[in-house]
Amino acid sequence: MWCGATDIIIRGIKSSAQLADGRQLFSSAYAQHTLERQRQAQVRGGFEEFTISNTSPDKPDILQHIRISGDIGSISIEAELAESKLLKLRPAK
């Protein structure tokens, strides 16, 4: 399925995080979701990499990195919070 594919559809990938103060963030509750295709890397047959940026003005961005392997037909998904907005949300001591 992955080898030679020209169109890839990504749907329904959701991530969540719990902040130190107990607040929970869900990517599905964000205002905007942007898909960006990264440069193709060469690792034993290569892989395709995409990043979904989930953004809202009052929340740290949730970035979802999706890697689709061409040689073994596997998918890996990694989520991260954007540190720059996260620092602004921390309560003052």
C-alpha atoms as a PDB file:
ATOM      1  CA  MET A   1       0.000   0.000   0.000  1.00  0.00           C
ATOM      2  CA  TRP A   2       2.763   2.495   0.835  1.00  0.00           C
ATOM      3  CA  CYS A   3       5.190   1.825  -2.003  1.00  0.00           C
ATOM      4  CA  GLY A   4       4.557   4.063  -4.975  1.00  0.00           C
ATOM      5  CA  ALA A   5       1.480   5.693  -3.450  1.00  0.00           C
ATOM      6  CA  THR A   6       0.862   9.188  -4.766  1.00  0.00           C
ATOM      7  CA  ASP A   7      -2.098  10.082  -2.540  1.00  0.00           C
ATOM      8  CA  ILE A   8      -2.141   9.491   1.184  1.00  0.00           C
ATOM      9  CA  ILE A   9      -5.210  10.256   3.269  1.00  0.00           C
ATOM     10  CA  ILE A  10      -4.754  10.861   6.988  1.00  0.00           C
ATOM     11  CA  ARG A  11      -7.922  10.939   9.097  1.00  0.00           C
ATOM     12  CA  GLY A  12      -8.918  10.504  12.692  1.00  0.00           C
ATOM     13  CA  ILE A  13      -5.503  10.815  14.334  1.00  0.00           C
ATOM     14  CA  LYS A  14      -6.093  12.301  17.780  1.00  0.00           C
ATOM     15  CA  SER A  15      -3.626  13.109  20.529  1.00  0.00           C
ATOM     16  CA  SER A  16      -3.993  14.360  24.059  1.00  0.00           C
ATOM     17  CA  ALA A  17      -1.765  15.636  26.851  1.00  0.00           C
ATOM     18  CA  GLN A  18      -2.160  16.364  30.523  1.00  0.00           C
ATOM     19  CA  LEU A  19      -0.344  19.425  31.850  1.00  0.00           C
ATOM     20  CA  ALA A  20       1.347  19.520  35.265  1.00  0.00           C
ATOM     21  CA  ASP A  21      -1.553  21.587  36.663  1.00  0.00           C
ATOM     22  CA  GLY A  22      -4.040  18.858  35.680  1.00  0.00           C
ATOM     23  CA  ARG A  23      -5.495  20.510  32.569  1.00  0.00           C
ATOM     24  CA  GLN A  24      -6.046  18.158  29.649  1.00  0.00           C
ATOM     25  CA  LEU A  25      -5.533  19.090  26.014  1.00  0.00           C
ATOM     26  CA  PHE A  26      -7.144  17.208  23.125  1.00  0.00           C
ATOM     27  CA  SER A  27      -6.071  17.806  19.524  1.00  0.00           C
ATOM     28  CA  SER A  28      -9.671  17.315  18.391  1.00  0.00           C
ATOM     29  CA  ALA A  29     -10.706  20.407  20.417  1.00  0.00           C
ATOM     30  CA  TYR A  30      -8.273  22.742  18.632  1.00  0.00           C
ATOM     31  CA  ALA A  31      -9.469  25.436  16.212  1.00  0.00           C
ATOM     32  CA  GLN A  32      -7.131  24.712  13.284  1.00  0.00           C
ATOM     33  CA  HIS A  33      -5.432  21.578  11.934  1.00  0.00           C
ATOM     34  CA  THR A  34      -2.768  21.886   9.223  1.00  0.00           C
ATOM     35  CA  LEU A  35      -1.106  18.968   7.407  1.00  0.00           C
ATOM     36  CA  GLU A  36       2.413  19.471   6.062  1.00  0.00           C
ATOM     37  CA  ARG A  37       4.445  16.910   4.115  1.00  0.00           C
ATOM     38  CA  GLN A  38       8.101  16.859   5.161  1.00  0.00           C
ATOM     39  CA  ARG A  39      11.054  16.094   2.914  1.00  0.00           C
ATOM     40  CA  GLN A  40      11.476  12.420   2.130  1.00  0.00           C
ATOM     41  CA  ALA A  41      14.283  10.810   4.126  1.00  0.00           C
ATOM     42  CA  GLN A  42      16.427   7.941   2.961  1.00  0.00           C
ATOM     43  CA  VAL A  43      16.451   5.221   5.605  1.00  0.00           C
ATOM     44  CA  ARG A  44      16.516   1.674   4.210  1.00  0.00           C
ATOM     45  CA  GLY A  45      14.013   2.258   1.450  1.00  0.00           C
ATOM     46  CA  GLY A  46      12.933   5.681   2.674  1.00  0.00           C
ATOM     47  CA  PHE A  47       9.851   6.878   4.442  1.00  0.00           C
ATOM     48  CA  GLU A  48       7.299   9.654   4.122  1.00  0.00           C
ATOM     49  CA  GLU A  49       6.923  12.057   7.016  1.00  0.00           C
ATOM     50  CA  PHE A  50       3.994  14.368   7.718  1.00  0.00           C
ATOM     51  CA  THR A  51       3.293  16.825  10.524  1.00  0.00           C
ATOM     52  CA  ILE A  52      -0.178  17.817  11.658  1.00  0.00           C
ATOM     53  CA  SER A  53      -0.113  21.145  13.529  1.00  0.00           C
ATOM     54  CA  ASN A  54      -3.093  21.589  15.857  1.00  0.00           C
ATOM     55  CA  THR A  55      -3.353  25.248  16.888  1.00  0.00           C
ATOM     56  CA  SER A  56      -5.596  27.473  19.009  1.00  0.00           C
ATOM     57  CA  PRO A  57      -4.799  30.947  20.334  1.00  0.00           C
ATOM     58  CA  ASP A  58      -5.150  30.000  24.017  1.00  0.00           C
ATOM     59  CA  LYS A  59      -3.411  26.597  23.972  1.00  0.00           C
ATOM     60  CA  PRO A  60       0.073  25.242  23.275  1.00  0.00           C
ATOM     61  CA  ASP A  61       0.310  23.751  19.788  1.00  0.00           C
ATOM     62  CA  ILE A  62       0.077  19.973  19.552  1.00  0.00           C
ATOM     63  CA  LEU A  63       2.312  18.654  16.777  1.00  0.00           C
ATOM     64  CA  GLN A  64       1.693  15.133  15.492  1.00  0.00           C
ATOM     65  CA  HIS A  65       4.546  13.609  13.476  1.00  0.00           C
ATOM     66  CA  ILE A  66       3.542  10.680  11.270  1.00  0.00           C
ATOM     67  CA  ARG A  67       6.167   8.501   9.577  1.00  0.00           C
ATOM     68  CA  ILE A  68       5.149   5.945   6.981  1.00  0.00           C
ATOM     69  CA  SER A  69       7.836   3.417   6.140  1.00  0.00           C
ATOM     70  CA  GLY A  70       8.131   2.379   2.506  1.00  0.00           C
ATOM     71  CA  ASP A  71      10.145  -0.783   2.990  1.00  0.00           C
ATOM     72  CA  ILE A  72       8.294  -2.521   5.831  1.00  0.00           C
ATOM     73  CA  GLY A  73       4.832  -0.957   5.581  1.00  0.00           C
ATOM     74  CA  SER A  74       4.682   0.464   9.107  1.00  0.00           C
ATOM     75  CA  ILE A  75       3.426   3.727  10.591  1.00  0.00           C
ATOM     76  CA  SER A  76       4.783   5.574  13.611  1.00  0.00           C
ATOM     77  CA  ILE A  77       3.036   8.505  15.291  1.00  0.00           C
ATOM     78  CA  GLU A  78       4.679  10.882  17.760  1.00  0.00           C
ATOM     79  CA  ALA A  79       3.007  13.841  19.498  1.00  0.00           C
ATOM     80  CA  GLU A  80       4.634  16.863  21.114  1.00  0.00           C
ATOM     81  CA  LEU A  81       3.607  20.132  22.741  1.00  0.00           C
ATOM     82  CA  ALA A  82       5.113  23.376  21.453  1.00  0.00           C
ATOM     83  CA  GLU A  83       7.258  24.616  24.328  1.00  0.00           C
ATOM     84  CA  SER A  84       7.011  28.344  23.464  1.00  0.00           C
ATOM     85  CA  LYS A  85       3.265  28.559  24.127  1.00  0.00           C
ATOM     86  CA  LEU A  86       3.455  26.109  27.023  1.00  0.00           C
ATOM     87  CA  LEU A  87       5.766  28.450  28.965  1.00  0.00           C
ATOM     88  CA  LYS A  88       3.234  31.293  28.631  1.00  0.00           C
ATOM     89  CA  LEU A  89       0.487  29.128  30.154  1.00  0.00           C
ATOM     90  CA  ARG A  90       2.333  28.291  33.371  1.00  0.00           C
ATOM     91  CA  PRO A  91       0.796  29.982  36.416  1.00  0.00           C
ATOM     92  CA  ALA A  92       2.871  32.623  38.207  1.00  0.00           C
ATOM     93  CA  LYS A  93       4.367  31.546  41.558  1.00  0.00           C
END
